[in-house]
PDB file of N, CA and C in Angstrom:
ATOM      1  N   MET A   1      10.631 -71.373 121.552  1.00  0.00           N
ATOM      2  CA  MET A   1      11.467 -72.045 121.294  1.00  0.00           C
ATOM      3  C   MET A   1      11.228 -73.541 121.139  1.00  0.00           C
ATOM      4  N   LYS A   2      11.711 -74.821 120.325  1.00  0.00           N
ATOM      5  CA  LYS A   2      11.110 -75.842 120.870  1.00  0.00           C
ATOM      6  C   LYS A   2      12.277 -76.463 121.292  1.00  0.00           C
ATOM      7  N   PRO A   3      11.742 -77.608 122.109  1.00  0.00           N
ATOM      8  CA  PRO A   3      12.738 -78.160 122.938  1.00  0.00           C
ATOM      9  C   PRO A   3      13.476 -78.992 122.432  1.00  0.00           C
ATOM     10  N   TYR A   4      14.008 -79.121 120.859  1.00  0.00           N
ATOM     11  CA  TYR A   4      14.391 -80.099 120.194  1.00  0.00           C
ATOM     12  C   TYR A   4      15.256 -79.108 119.726  1.00  0.00           C
ATOM     13  N   ARG A   5      16.380 -80.125 118.608  1.00  0.00           N
ATOM     14  CA  ARG A   5      17.000 -79.077 117.508  1.00  0.00           C
ATOM     15  C   ARG A   5      17.580 -80.215 116.257  1.00  0.00           C
ATOM     16  N   LEU A   6      17.068 -79.838 115.329  1.00  0.00           N
ATOM     17  CA  LEU A   6      17.921 -80.939 114.169  1.00  0.00           C
ATOM     18  C   LEU A   6      19.061 -80.618 113.505  1.00  0.00           C
ATOM     19  N   VAL A   7      19.839 -80.848 112.949  1.00  0.00           N
ATOM     20  CA  VAL A   7      21.015 -80.581 112.368  1.00  0.00           C
ATOM     21  C   VAL A   7      20.975 -81.400 111.188  1.00  0.00           C
ATOM     22  N   GLU A   8      20.528 -80.610 110.107  1.00  0.00           N
ATOM     23  CA  GLU A   8      20.277 -81.230 108.496  1.00  0.00           C
ATOM     24  C   GLU A   8      21.697 -81.852 107.996  1.00  0.00           C
ATOM     25  N   ARG A   9      22.643 -81.281 108.260  1.00  0.00           N
ATOM     26  CA  ARG A   9      23.767 -81.618 107.513  1.00  0.00           C
ATOM     27  C   ARG A   9      25.006 -81.028 108.786  1.00  0.00           C
ATOM     28  N   PRO A  10      26.128 -81.788 108.538  1.00  0.00           N
ATOM     29  CA  PRO A  10      27.668 -81.424 109.242  1.00  0.00           C
ATOM     30  C   PRO A  10      28.161 -79.776 109.034  1.00  0.00           C
ATOM     31  N   THR A  11      28.579 -79.129 109.648  1.00  0.00           N
ATOM     32  CA  THR A  11      29.288 -78.090 109.113  1.00  0.00           C
ATOM     33  C   THR A  11      31.175 -78.379 108.509  1.00  0.00           C
ATOM     34  N   ARG A  12      31.182 -77.931 108.076  1.00  0.00           N
ATOM     35  CA  ARG A  12      32.766 -78.414 107.641  1.00  0.00           C
ATOM     36  C   ARG A  12      33.355 -77.436 107.981  1.00  0.00           C
ATOM     37  N   ILE A  13      34.689 -77.867 108.458  1.00  0.00           N
ATOM     38  CA  ILE A  13      35.964 -76.996 109.187  1.00  0.00           C
ATOM     39  C   ILE A  13      37.161 -77.718 108.704  1.00  0.00           C
ATOM     40  N   PRO A  14      37.652 -76.956 107.395  1.00  0.00           N
ATOM     41  CA  PRO A  14      39.086 -77.294 107.691  1.00  0.00           C
ATOM     42  C   PRO A  14      40.070 -77.143 108.369  1.00  0.00           C
ATOM     43  N   VAL A  15      41.215 -77.410 108.353  1.00  0.00           N
ATOM     44  CA  VAL A  15      41.917 -77.603 109.679  1.00  0.00           C
ATOM     45  C   VAL A  15      43.465 -77.733 108.454  1.00  0.00           C
ATOM     46  N   PRO A  16      44.560 -77.558 109.074  1.00  0.00           N
ATOM     47  CA  PRO A  16      46.111 -77.326 108.571  1.00  0.00           C
ATOM     48  C   PRO A  16      46.331 -79.444 108.509  1.00  0.00           C
ATOM     49  N   GLY A  17      47.135 -79.434 107.398  1.00  0.00           N
ATOM     50  CA  GLY A  17      47.450 -81.228 107.394  1.00  0.00           C
ATOM     51  C   GLY A  17      46.070 -81.731 106.646  1.00  0.00           C
ATOM     52  N   GLY A  18      45.235 -80.979 105.733  1.00  0.00           N
ATOM     53  CA  GLY A  18      44.158 -81.743 105.023  1.00  0.00           C
ATOM     54  C   GLY A  18      43.150 -82.536 105.856  1.00  0.00           C
ATOM     55  N   LYS A  19      43.640 -82.372 107.670  1.00  0.00           N
ATOM     56  CA  LYS A  19      42.495 -82.691 107.786  1.00  0.00           C
ATOM     57  C   LYS A  19      40.901 -81.800 107.609  1.00  0.00           C
ATOM     58  N   LEU A  20      39.878 -82.837 107.985  1.00  0.00           N
ATOM     59  CA  LEU A  20      38.651 -81.994 107.600  1.00  0.00           C
ATOM     60  C   LEU A  20      37.581 -82.548 108.447  1.00  0.00           C
ATOM     61  N   ILE A  21      37.260 -81.547 109.656  1.00  0.00           N
ATOM     62  CA  ILE A  21      35.947 -81.698 110.611  1.00  0.00           C
ATOM     63  C   ILE A  21      34.687 -81.688 109.886  1.00  0.00           C
ATOM     64  N   GLU A  22      33.817 -82.298 110.276  1.00  0.00           N
ATOM     65  CA  GLU A  22      32.773 -82.031 110.088  1.00  0.00           C
ATOM     66  C   GLU A  22      31.578 -82.398 111.119  1.00  0.00           C
ATOM     67  N   GLU A  23      31.482 -81.076 111.705  1.00  0.00           N
ATOM     68  CA  GLU A  23      30.891 -81.286 113.046  1.00  0.00           C
ATOM     69  C   GLU A  23      29.173 -81.100 112.844  1.00  0.00           C
ATOM     70  N   LEU A  24      28.629 -82.094 113.926  1.00  0.00           N
ATOM     71  CA  LEU A  24      26.889 -81.757 113.841  1.00  0.00           C
ATOM     72  C   LEU A  24      26.812 -81.146 115.050  1.00  0.00           C
ATOM     73  N   PHE A  25      27.241 -81.571 116.165  1.00  0.00           N
ATOM     74  CA  PHE A  25      26.744 -80.615 117.284  1.00  0.00           C
ATOM     75  C   PHE A  25      27.729 -80.301 117.908  1.00  0.00           C
ATOM     76  N   GLY A  26      27.848 -79.101 118.347  1.00  0.00           N
ATOM     77  CA  GLY A  26      29.168 -78.676 119.178  1.00  0.00           C
ATOM     78  C   GLY A  26      28.969 -76.799 118.738  1.00  0.00           C
ATOM     79  N   ARG A  27      30.103 -75.955 119.297  1.00  0.00           N
ATOM     80  CA  ARG A  27      30.571 -74.570 119.013  1.00  0.00           C
ATOM     81  C   ARG A  27      30.302 -74.317 117.839  1.00  0.00           C
ATOM     82  N   VAL A  28      30.482 -74.972 116.586  1.00  0.00           N
ATOM     83  CA  VAL A  28      30.154 -74.721 114.990  1.00  0.00           C
ATOM     84  C   VAL A  28      29.023 -74.895 114.975  1.00  0.00           C
ATOM     85  N   ASN A  29      28.135 -75.273 114.869  1.00  0.00           N
ATOM     86  CA  ASN A  29      26.789 -75.329 114.825  1.00  0.00           C
ATOM     87  C   ASN A  29      26.359 -74.674 115.901  1.00  0.00           C
ATOM     88  N   THR A  30      26.624 -73.950 117.064  1.00  0.00           N
ATOM     89  CA  THR A  30      25.826 -73.060 117.814  1.00  0.00           C
ATOM     90  C   THR A  30      27.347 -71.854 117.754  1.00  0.00           C
ATOM     91  N   SER A  31      27.275 -70.992 116.831  1.00  0.00           N
ATOM     92  CA  SER A  31      28.191 -70.125 116.379  1.00  0.00           C
ATOM     93  C   SER A  31      29.326 -70.061 116.952  1.00  0.00           C
ATOM     94  N   TRP A  32      29.935 -70.760 116.940  1.00  0.00           N
ATOM     95  CA  TRP A  32      32.139 -70.748 117.082  1.00  0.00           C
ATOM     96  C   TRP A  32      32.110 -71.464 115.588  1.00  0.00           C
ATOM     97  N   SER A  33      33.616 -70.725 114.767  1.00  0.00           N
ATOM     98  CA  SER A  33      33.710 -71.151 113.994  1.00  0.00           C
ATOM     99  C   SER A  33      35.379 -71.688 113.891  1.00  0.00           C
ATOM    100  N   GLU A  34      35.973 -72.078 114.580  1.00  0.00           N
ATOM    101  CA  GLU A  34      37.179 -72.111 114.773  1.00  0.00           C
ATOM    102  C   GLU A  34      37.534 -73.675 115.273  1.00  0.00           C
ATOM    103  N   PRO A  35      38.064 -74.606 114.860  1.00  0.00           N
ATOM    104  CA  PRO A  35      38.524 -75.883 114.782  1.00  0.00           C
ATOM    105  C   PRO A  35      39.835 -76.073 116.437  1.00  0.00           C
ATOM    106  N   ALA A  36      39.430 -76.981 117.353  1.00  0.00           N
ATOM    107  CA  ALA A  36      40.584 -77.563 118.419  1.00  0.00           C
ATOM    108  C   ALA A  36      41.734 -78.168 117.897  1.00  0.00           C
ATOM    109  N   GLN A  37      42.550 -78.472 118.218  1.00  0.00           N
ATOM    110  CA  GLN A  37      43.821 -79.309 117.755  1.00  0.00           C
ATOM    111  C   GLN A  37      44.325 -79.707 119.269  1.00  0.00           C
ATOM    112  N   ARG A  38      44.063 -79.314 120.490  1.00  0.00           N
ATOM    113  CA  ARG A  38      45.107 -79.761 121.354  1.00  0.00           C
ATOM    114  C   ARG A  38      43.948 -79.824 122.266  1.00  0.00           C
ATOM    115  N   PRO A  39      43.415 -80.781 123.099  1.00  0.00           N
ATOM    116  CA  PRO A  39      41.881 -80.264 123.909  1.00  0.00           C
ATOM    117  C   PRO A  39      42.366 -80.128 125.405  1.00  0.00           C
ATOM    118  N   ALA A  40      41.936 -79.325 126.317  1.00  0.00           N
ATOM    119  CA  ALA A  40      41.851 -79.208 127.412  1.00  0.00           C
ATOM    120  C   ALA A  40      40.659 -79.696 128.184  1.00  0.00           C
ATOM    121  N   PHE A  41      40.381 -80.576 127.815  1.00  0.00           N
ATOM    122  CA  PHE A  41      38.651 -81.115 127.672  1.00  0.00           C
ATOM    123  C   PHE A  41      39.079 -82.881 127.491  1.00  0.00           C
ATOM    124  N   GLY A  42      38.009 -83.680 128.066  1.00  0.00           N
ATOM    125  CA  GLY A  42      37.679 -84.898 127.126  1.00  0.00           C
ATOM    126  C   GLY A  42      37.353 -84.533 126.068  1.00  0.00           C
ATOM    127  N   GLU A  43      38.430 -86.163 125.497  1.00  0.00           N
ATOM    128  CA  GLU A  43      37.231 -86.338 124.252  1.00  0.00           C
ATOM    129  C   GLU A  43      37.608 -87.527 123.766  1.00  0.00           C
ATOM    130  N   LEU A  44      36.617 -88.337 123.219  1.00  0.00           N
ATOM    131  CA  LEU A  44      36.171 -89.607 122.947  1.00  0.00           C
ATOM    132  C   LEU A  44      36.074 -89.862 121.353  1.00  0.00           C
ATOM    133  N   THR A  45      37.638 -90.420 120.984  1.00  0.00           N
ATOM    134  CA  THR A  45      37.248 -90.573 119.161  1.00  0.00           C
ATOM    135  C   THR A  45      36.997 -92.245 119.052  1.00  0.00           C
ATOM    136  N   ILE A  46      35.897 -92.218 118.072  1.00  0.00           N
ATOM    137  CA  ILE A  46      35.301 -93.589 117.700  1.00  0.00           C
ATOM    138  C   ILE A  46      35.786 -93.872 116.250  1.00  0.00           C
ATOM    139  N   MET A  47      36.737 -94.787 116.176  1.00  0.00           N
ATOM    140  CA  MET A  47      37.416 -94.984 114.651  1.00  0.00           C
ATOM    141  C   MET A  47      36.324 -95.928 113.956  1.00  0.00           C
ATOM    142  N   HIS A  48      35.944 -94.655 112.839  1.00  0.00           N
ATOM    143  CA  HIS A  48      34.513 -95.287 112.397  1.00  0.00           C
ATOM    144  C   HIS A  48      35.271 -96.168 110.872  1.00  0.00           C
ATOM    145  N   ARG A  49      36.218 -95.783 110.275  1.00  0.00           N
ATOM    146  CA  ARG A  49      36.990 -96.084 108.676  1.00  0.00           C
ATOM    147  C   ARG A  49      38.723 -95.979 108.859  1.00  0.00           C
ATOM    148  N   GLY A  50      39.307 -97.303 108.099  1.00  0.00           N
ATOM    149  CA  GLY A  50      40.747 -96.742 108.179  1.00  0.00           C
ATOM    150  C   GLY A  50      41.384 -96.672 109.166  1.00  0.00           C
ATOM    151  N   ALA A  51      42.454 -95.958 109.692  1.00  0.00           N
ATOM    152  CA  ALA A  51      43.271 -96.072 110.702  1.00  0.00           C
ATOM    153  C   ALA A  51      43.802 -94.475 111.149  1.00  0.00           C
ATOM    154  N   MET A  52      44.010 -94.423 112.386  1.00  0.00           N
ATOM    155  CA  MET A  52      45.073 -93.054 112.762  1.00  0.00           C
ATOM    156  C   MET A  52      45.777 -93.266 113.966  1.00  0.00           C
ATOM    157  N   ARG A  53      47.551 -92.383 114.044  1.00  0.00           N
ATOM    158  CA  ARG A  53      47.753 -92.522 114.963  1.00  0.00           C
ATOM    159  C   ARG A  53      47.775 -91.444 116.037  1.00  0.00           C
ATOM    160  N   VAL A  54      47.687 -91.946 117.435  1.00  0.00           N
ATOM    161  CA  VAL A  54      47.175 -90.802 118.239  1.00  0.00           C
ATOM    162  C   VAL A  54      48.835 -90.854 119.341  1.00  0.00           C
ATOM    163  N   GLU A  55      49.269 -89.686 119.075  1.00  0.00           N
ATOM    164  CA  GLU A  55      50.314 -89.677 119.926  1.00  0.00           C
ATOM    165  C   GLU A  55      49.695 -89.008 121.419  1.00  0.00           C
ATOM    166  N   VAL A  56      50.332 -89.484 122.422  1.00  0.00           N
ATOM    167  CA  VAL A  56      49.577 -88.998 123.856  1.00  0.00           C
ATOM    168  C   VAL A  56      50.829 -88.796 124.844  1.00  0.00           C
ATOM    169  N   GLY A  57      50.853 -87.424 125.273  1.00  0.00           N
ATOM    170  CA  GLY A  57      51.907 -87.263 126.257  1.00  0.00           C
ATOM    171  C   GLY A  57      53.300 -86.228 125.859  1.00  0.00           C
ATOM    172  N   SER A  58      54.069 -85.888 126.378  1.00  0.00           N
ATOM    173  CA  SER A  58      55.221 -85.756 125.824  1.00  0.00           C
ATOM    174  C   SER A  58      56.470 -86.381 126.566  1.00  0.00           C
ATOM    175  N   GLY A  59      57.766 -85.823 125.999  1.00  0.00           N
ATOM    176  CA  GLY A  59      58.877 -86.340 126.091  1.00  0.00           C
ATOM    177  C   GLY A  59      58.657 -88.055 126.781  1.00  0.00           C
ATOM    178  N   PRO A  60      59.714 -88.613 127.585  1.00  0.00           N
ATOM    179  CA  PRO A  60      60.063 -89.896 127.551  1.00  0.00           C
ATOM    180  C   PRO A  60      58.835 -90.847 127.818  1.00  0.00           C
ATOM    181  N   ASP A  61      57.931 -89.966 128.555  1.00  0.00           N
ATOM    182  CA  ASP A  61      56.603 -90.736 128.750  1.00  0.00           C
ATOM    183  C   ASP A  61      55.866 -90.686 127.648  1.00  0.00           C
ATOM    184  N   ALA A  62      55.819 -90.147 125.990  1.00  0.00           N
ATOM    185  CA  ALA A  62      55.184 -90.162 125.150  1.00  0.00           C
ATOM    186  C   ALA A  62      54.670 -91.527 124.653  1.00  0.00           C
ATOM    187  N   GLU A  63      53.576 -91.748 124.245  1.00  0.00           N
ATOM    188  CA  GLU A  63      53.079 -93.173 123.619  1.00  0.00           C
ATOM    189  C   GLU A  63      52.004 -92.665 123.006  1.00  0.00           C
ATOM    190  N   GLU A  64      52.617 -93.566 121.488  1.00  0.00           N
ATOM    191  CA  GLU A  64      52.010 -93.891 120.537  1.00  0.00           C
ATOM    192  C   GLU A  64      51.036 -95.020 120.237  1.00  0.00           C
ATOM    193  N   ILE A  65      49.677 -94.562 119.754  1.00  0.00           N
ATOM    194  CA  ILE A  65      48.443 -95.771 119.693  1.00  0.00           C
ATOM    195  C   ILE A  65      48.163 -95.683 118.517  1.00  0.00           C
ATOM    196  N   ASP A  66      48.271 -96.819 117.885  1.00  0.00           N
ATOM    197  CA  ASP A  66      47.177 -96.831 116.181  1.00  0.00           C
ATOM    198  C   ASP A  66      45.835 -97.040 116.728  1.00  0.00           C
ATOM    199  N   LEU A  67      45.207 -96.289 116.185  1.00  0.00           N
ATOM    200  CA  LEU A  67      43.852 -96.411 116.510  1.00  0.00           C
ATOM    201  C   LEU A  67      43.117 -97.121 115.083  1.00  0.00           C
ATOM    202  N   HIS A  68      42.277 -98.476 115.136  1.00  0.00           N
ATOM    203  CA  HIS A  68      41.672 -98.190 113.755  1.00  0.00           C
ATOM    204  C   HIS A  68      40.259 -99.281 114.208  1.00  0.00           C
ATOM    205  N   ALA A  69      39.710 -99.071 112.968  1.00  0.00           N
ATOM    206  CA  ALA A  69      37.992 -99.012 112.578  1.00  0.00           C
ATOM    207  C   ALA A  69      37.396 -99.910 113.623  1.00  0.00           C
ATOM    208  N   GLY A  70      36.598 -99.464 114.161  1.00  0.00           N
ATOM    209  CA  GLY A  70      36.228-100.782 115.455  1.00  0.00           C
ATOM    210  C   GLY A  70      36.441-100.141 116.866  1.00  0.00           C
ATOM    211  N   GLN A  71      37.682 -99.620 116.898  1.00  0.00           N
ATOM    212  CA  GLN A  71      38.330 -99.333 118.305  1.00  0.00           C
ATOM    213  C   GLN A  71      37.847 -97.478 118.659  1.00  0.00           C
ATOM    214  N   ALA A  72      37.803 -97.036 119.475  1.00  0.00           N
ATOM    215  CA  ALA A  72      37.433 -95.782 120.643  1.00  0.00           C
ATOM    216  C   ALA A  72      38.897 -95.942 121.235  1.00  0.00           C
ATOM    217  N   PHE A  73      39.039 -94.326 121.637  1.00  0.00           N
ATOM    218  CA  PHE A  73      39.593 -93.830 122.424  1.00  0.00           C
ATOM    219  C   PHE A  73      39.428 -92.919 123.244  1.00  0.00           C
ATOM    220  N   TRP A  74      39.926 -92.797 124.489  1.00  0.00           N
ATOM    221  CA  TRP A  74      39.561 -91.677 125.429  1.00  0.00           C
ATOM    222  C   TRP A  74      40.620 -90.777 126.070  1.00  0.00           C
ATOM    223  N   VAL A  75      40.458 -89.326 126.093  1.00  0.00           N
ATOM    224  CA  VAL A  75      41.920 -88.765 126.109  1.00  0.00           C
ATOM    225  C   VAL A  75      41.200 -87.896 127.586  1.00  0.00           C
ATOM    226  N   GLU A  76      41.839 -87.811 128.680  1.00  0.00           N
ATOM    227  CA  GLU A  76      41.325 -86.899 129.933  1.00  0.00           C
ATOM    228  C   GLU A  76      41.870 -85.845 129.303  1.00  0.00           C
ATOM    229  N   PRO A  77      40.981 -84.440 130.053  1.00  0.00           N
ATOM    230  CA  PRO A  77      41.458 -83.519 129.999  1.00  0.00           C
ATOM    231  C   PRO A  77      42.400 -82.861 130.380  1.00  0.00           C
ATOM    232  N   GLY A  78      43.050 -81.955 129.637  1.00  0.00           N
ATOM    233  CA  GLY A  78      44.851 -81.244 129.812  1.00  0.00           C
ATOM    234  C   GLY A  78      45.610 -82.269 129.550  1.00  0.00           C
ATOM    235  N   VAL A  79      45.591 -83.509 129.020  1.00  0.00           N
ATOM    236  CA  VAL A  79      46.926 -83.823 128.385  1.00  0.00           C
ATOM    237  C   VAL A  79      47.153 -83.859 127.225  1.00  0.00           C
ATOM    238  N   ARG A  80      48.154 -83.858 126.793  1.00  0.00           N
ATOM    239  CA  ARG A  80      48.986 -83.746 125.372  1.00  0.00           C
ATOM    240  C   ARG A  80      48.592 -84.422 124.531  1.00  0.00           C
ATOM    241  N   VAL A  81      48.140 -84.499 123.359  1.00  0.00           N
ATOM    242  CA  VAL A  81      47.322 -85.056 122.345  1.00  0.00           C
ATOM    243  C   VAL A  81      47.633 -84.901 120.774  1.00  0.00           C
ATOM    244  N   ARG A  82      47.845 -85.549 119.910  1.00  0.00           N
ATOM    245  CA  ARG A  82      48.231 -85.041 118.565  1.00  0.00           C
ATOM    246  C   ARG A  82      47.341 -86.359 117.701  1.00  0.00           C
ATOM    247  N   TYR A  83      46.994 -86.347 116.870  1.00  0.00           N
ATOM    248  CA  TYR A  83      46.308 -87.226 116.300  1.00  0.00           C
ATOM    249  C   TYR A  83      46.934 -87.316 114.569  1.00  0.00           C
ATOM    250  N   THR A  84      47.351 -88.108 114.054  1.00  0.00           N
ATOM    251  CA  THR A  84      48.188 -87.992 112.649  1.00  0.00           C
ATOM    252  C   THR A  84      47.723 -89.329 112.189  1.00  0.00           C
ATOM    253  N   ASN A  85      47.671 -88.862 110.859  1.00  0.00           N
ATOM    254  CA  ASN A  85      47.358 -90.201 109.796  1.00  0.00           C
ATOM    255  C   ASN A  85      48.318 -90.977 109.164  1.00  0.00           C
ATOM    256  N   PRO A  86      49.315 -91.666 109.637  1.00  0.00           N
ATOM    257  CA  PRO A  86      50.638 -92.050 108.486  1.00  0.00           C
ATOM    258  C   PRO A  86      50.302 -93.320 107.154  1.00  0.00           C
ATOM    259  N   PHE A  87      49.153 -93.488 107.432  1.00  0.00           N
ATOM    260  CA  PHE A  87      48.823 -94.651 106.664  1.00  0.00           C
ATOM    261  C   PHE A  87      48.121 -94.290 105.066  1.00  0.00           C
ATOM    262  N   ALA A  88      48.306 -95.180 104.638  1.00  0.00           N
ATOM    263  CA  ALA A  88      47.938 -95.245 102.957  1.00  0.00           C
ATOM    264  C   ALA A  88      46.437 -94.745 102.712  1.00  0.00           C
ATOM    265  N   GLN A  89      45.550 -95.454 103.848  1.00  0.00           N
ATOM    266  CA  GLN A  89      44.186 -95.299 103.845  1.00  0.00           C
ATOM    267  C   GLN A  89      43.582 -94.012 104.576  1.00  0.00           C
ATOM    268  N   GLU A  90      42.530 -93.461 103.958  1.00  0.00           N
ATOM    269  CA  GLU A  90      42.094 -92.208 104.302  1.00  0.00           C
ATOM    270  C   GLU A  90      41.335 -92.640 105.949  1.00  0.00           C
ATOM    271  N   GLY A  91      41.246 -92.008 107.178  1.00  0.00           N
ATOM    272  CA  GLY A  91      40.755 -92.640 108.075  1.00  0.00           C
ATOM    273  C   GLY A  91      39.053 -91.529 108.434  1.00  0.00           C
ATOM    274  N   GLU A  92      38.281 -91.769 108.329  1.00  0.00           N
ATOM    275  CA  GLU A  92      37.200 -91.290 108.985  1.00  0.00           C
ATOM    276  C   GLU A  92      36.884 -91.866 110.809  1.00  0.00           C
ATOM    277  N   TYR A  93      36.286 -90.960 111.234  1.00  0.00           N
ATOM    278  CA  TYR A  93      36.028 -90.912 113.058  1.00  0.00           C
ATOM    279  C   TYR A  93      35.316 -90.312 113.513  1.00  0.00           C
ATOM    280  N   TYR A  94      34.973 -90.021 114.880  1.00  0.00           N
ATOM    281  CA  TYR A  94      33.490 -88.892 115.058  1.00  0.00           C
ATOM    282  C   TYR A  94      34.510 -89.139 116.534  1.00  0.00           C
ATOM    283  N   ALA A  95      34.214 -87.638 117.272  1.00  0.00           N
ATOM    284  CA  ALA A  95      34.830 -87.280 118.394  1.00  0.00           C
ATOM    285  C   ALA A  95      33.598 -86.663 118.962  1.00  0.00           C
ATOM    286  N   VAL A  96      33.949 -86.725 120.458  1.00  0.00           N
ATOM    287  CA  VAL A  96      33.281 -86.135 121.234  1.00  0.00           C
ATOM    288  C   VAL A  96      33.948 -85.443 122.495  1.00  0.00           C
ATOM    289  N   CYS A  97      33.649 -84.162 122.078  1.00  0.00           N
ATOM    290  CA  CYS A  97      34.401 -83.153 123.506  1.00  0.00           C
ATOM    291  C   CYS A  97      33.527 -83.003 124.071  1.00  0.00           C
ATOM    292  N   ILE A  98      34.042 -83.564 125.696  1.00  0.00           N
ATOM    293  CA  ILE A  98      32.950 -82.884 126.886  1.00  0.00           C
ATOM    294  C   ILE A  98      34.336 -82.266 127.541  1.00  0.00           C
ATOM    295  N   PRO A  99      33.511 -81.002 127.616  1.00  0.00           N
ATOM    296  CA  PRO A  99      32.474 -80.057 127.495  1.00  0.00           C
ATOM    297  C   PRO A  99      32.943 -79.790 125.405  1.00  0.00           C
ATOM    298  N   ALA A 100      32.290 -79.284 124.884  1.00  0.00           N
ATOM    299  CA  ALA A 100      32.479 -78.919 123.751  1.00  0.00           C
ATOM    300  C   ALA A 100      33.800 -77.891 123.820  1.00  0.00           C
ATOM    301  N   PHE A 101      34.639 -78.708 122.487  1.00  0.00           N
ATOM    302  CA  PHE A 101      35.970 -77.681 122.196  1.00  0.00           C
ATOM    303  C   PHE A 101      35.805 -75.788 122.149  1.00  0.00           C
ATOM    304  N   SER A 102      36.439 -75.403 122.617  1.00  0.00           N
ATOM    305  CA  SER A 102      36.381 -73.510 122.130  1.00  0.00           C
ATOM    306  C   SER A 102      37.229 -73.103 122.274  1.00  0.00           C
ATOM    307  N   PRO A 103      37.547 -72.114 121.810  1.00  0.00           N
ATOM    308  CA  PRO A 103      39.075 -71.325 121.616  1.00  0.00           C
ATOM    309  C   PRO A 103      39.733 -71.099 122.417  1.00  0.00           C
ATOM    310  N   ASP A 104      38.935 -70.872 124.050  1.00  0.00           N
ATOM    311  CA  ASP A 104      39.447 -70.711 125.765  1.00  0.00           C
ATOM    312  C   ASP A 104      39.971 -72.180 126.094  1.00  0.00           C
ATOM    313  N   THR A 105      40.214 -73.175 125.741  1.00  0.00           N
ATOM    314  CA  THR A 105      40.112 -74.296 126.161  1.00  0.00           C
ATOM    315  C   THR A 105      40.492 -75.343 125.175  1.00  0.00           C
ATOM    316  N   VAL A 106      41.324 -74.940 124.070  1.00  0.00           N
ATOM    317  CA  VAL A 106      42.135 -75.598 123.075  1.00  0.00           C
ATOM    318  C   VAL A 106      43.931 -76.209 123.525  1.00  0.00           C
ATOM    319  N   HIS A 107      44.449 -74.672 123.733  1.00  0.00           N
ATOM    320  CA  HIS A 107      45.781 -74.822 123.864  1.00  0.00           C
ATOM    321  C   HIS A 107      46.336 -75.310 123.003  1.00  0.00           C
ATOM    322  N   ARG A 108      46.202 -74.919 121.753  1.00  0.00           N
ATOM    323  CA  ARG A 108      46.924 -75.230 120.897  1.00  0.00           C
ATOM    324  C   ARG A 108      48.553 -75.243 120.565  1.00  0.00           C
ATOM    325  N   GLU A 109      49.153 -75.659 120.114  1.00  0.00           N
ATOM    326  CA  GLU A 109      50.888 -75.751 120.004  1.00  0.00           C
ATOM    327  C   GLU A 109      51.144 -75.180 118.902  1.00  0.00           C
ATOM    328  N   GLU A 110      51.483 -74.279 118.739  1.00  0.00           N
ATOM    329  CA  GLU A 110      52.171 -73.689 117.447  1.00  0.00           C
ATOM    330  C   GLU A 110      52.891 -74.583 116.263  1.00  0.00           C
TER     331      GLU A 110
END
């Protein structure tokens, strides 16, 4: 086995709401095929193009943060978070989940 791994192209993961995940490294490219929507792990989001809205928390303490190109956002493990794009322009971003997301740690809301 080689001490490195080359991923030549991302694996595309369609999810509800028209969002598309293109994963380079993570569980999909290592034998897992279901996306995460509500992480119980830390997640770094780097906005590359366009914008998105990040809803963090729930109830009276919930916040909405608009994330624009060139900005980054970190959410701690176990925090309720929802990503949406209410803007006219398509958004493109990179997400780094630490550790990588999995079906056992997603805790997706119905």
